[in-house]
Amino acid sequence: MNVIIHDLTDLQFQQIFPQITEDTQVISNKGCIKNCIGCFGCWIKTPGRCVIKDGYENMGSILSQADTVTIISKCYYGGYSPFVKNVLDRSIPFLLPFFRMIDNETHHEPRYKKSFQLYVYFYGEHITQSERDTAKNMVGRNSINFNVSKHNVTFFKSIEQLCEKKGEQ
């Protein structure tokens, strides 16, 4: 299964992805996502599932079925947009509450043995080199935490440039 997490408008998304296959799960902003409250309910009360019922409580399960995850996000100071960051925060049930050391860094233990490939497309008109470096570093650390088998980060100046690139593929 392919998963696409994005912060685009419906029109922008349709321009980039005019046809979506049945094996693709699209996670977009429906205006109802609530913030993770750090209650650990997804680890203690309902293991693997967020306790907040807003349509985004199954993110751990969705990621566990993914072969590829594509994230399209406006770059905010070297990070994800607020919506995409919130989706990733709500994906914490994908992980276990236990830790492991990898390259002298502390990361969560994976709940699922399956790994996926991660492709992140950042867009923004004035992304500085420092923001690019921060974003690449963050995606790298996210990839370790989410047990990603391969990841790639690409930057675009605009949605239009992203549309052109996707049209070439």
Foldseek 3Di string as FASTA:
>chain_A
DEEEEEEDDPVLVCLQPVDDDPPYHYHYCPPFQDADPPPCCCAPVVQLFDPDPGPLRNLLVVQLPHQEYEYEAAQDQLDGDPVSVRSVNSNCSQFHPDWDADPNDIATHGPHPDAHEYEYEYEAQDQDPNSPVSNVVVVVRVCVRNVHPYYDYHYYHDSVRSSVVSVVD
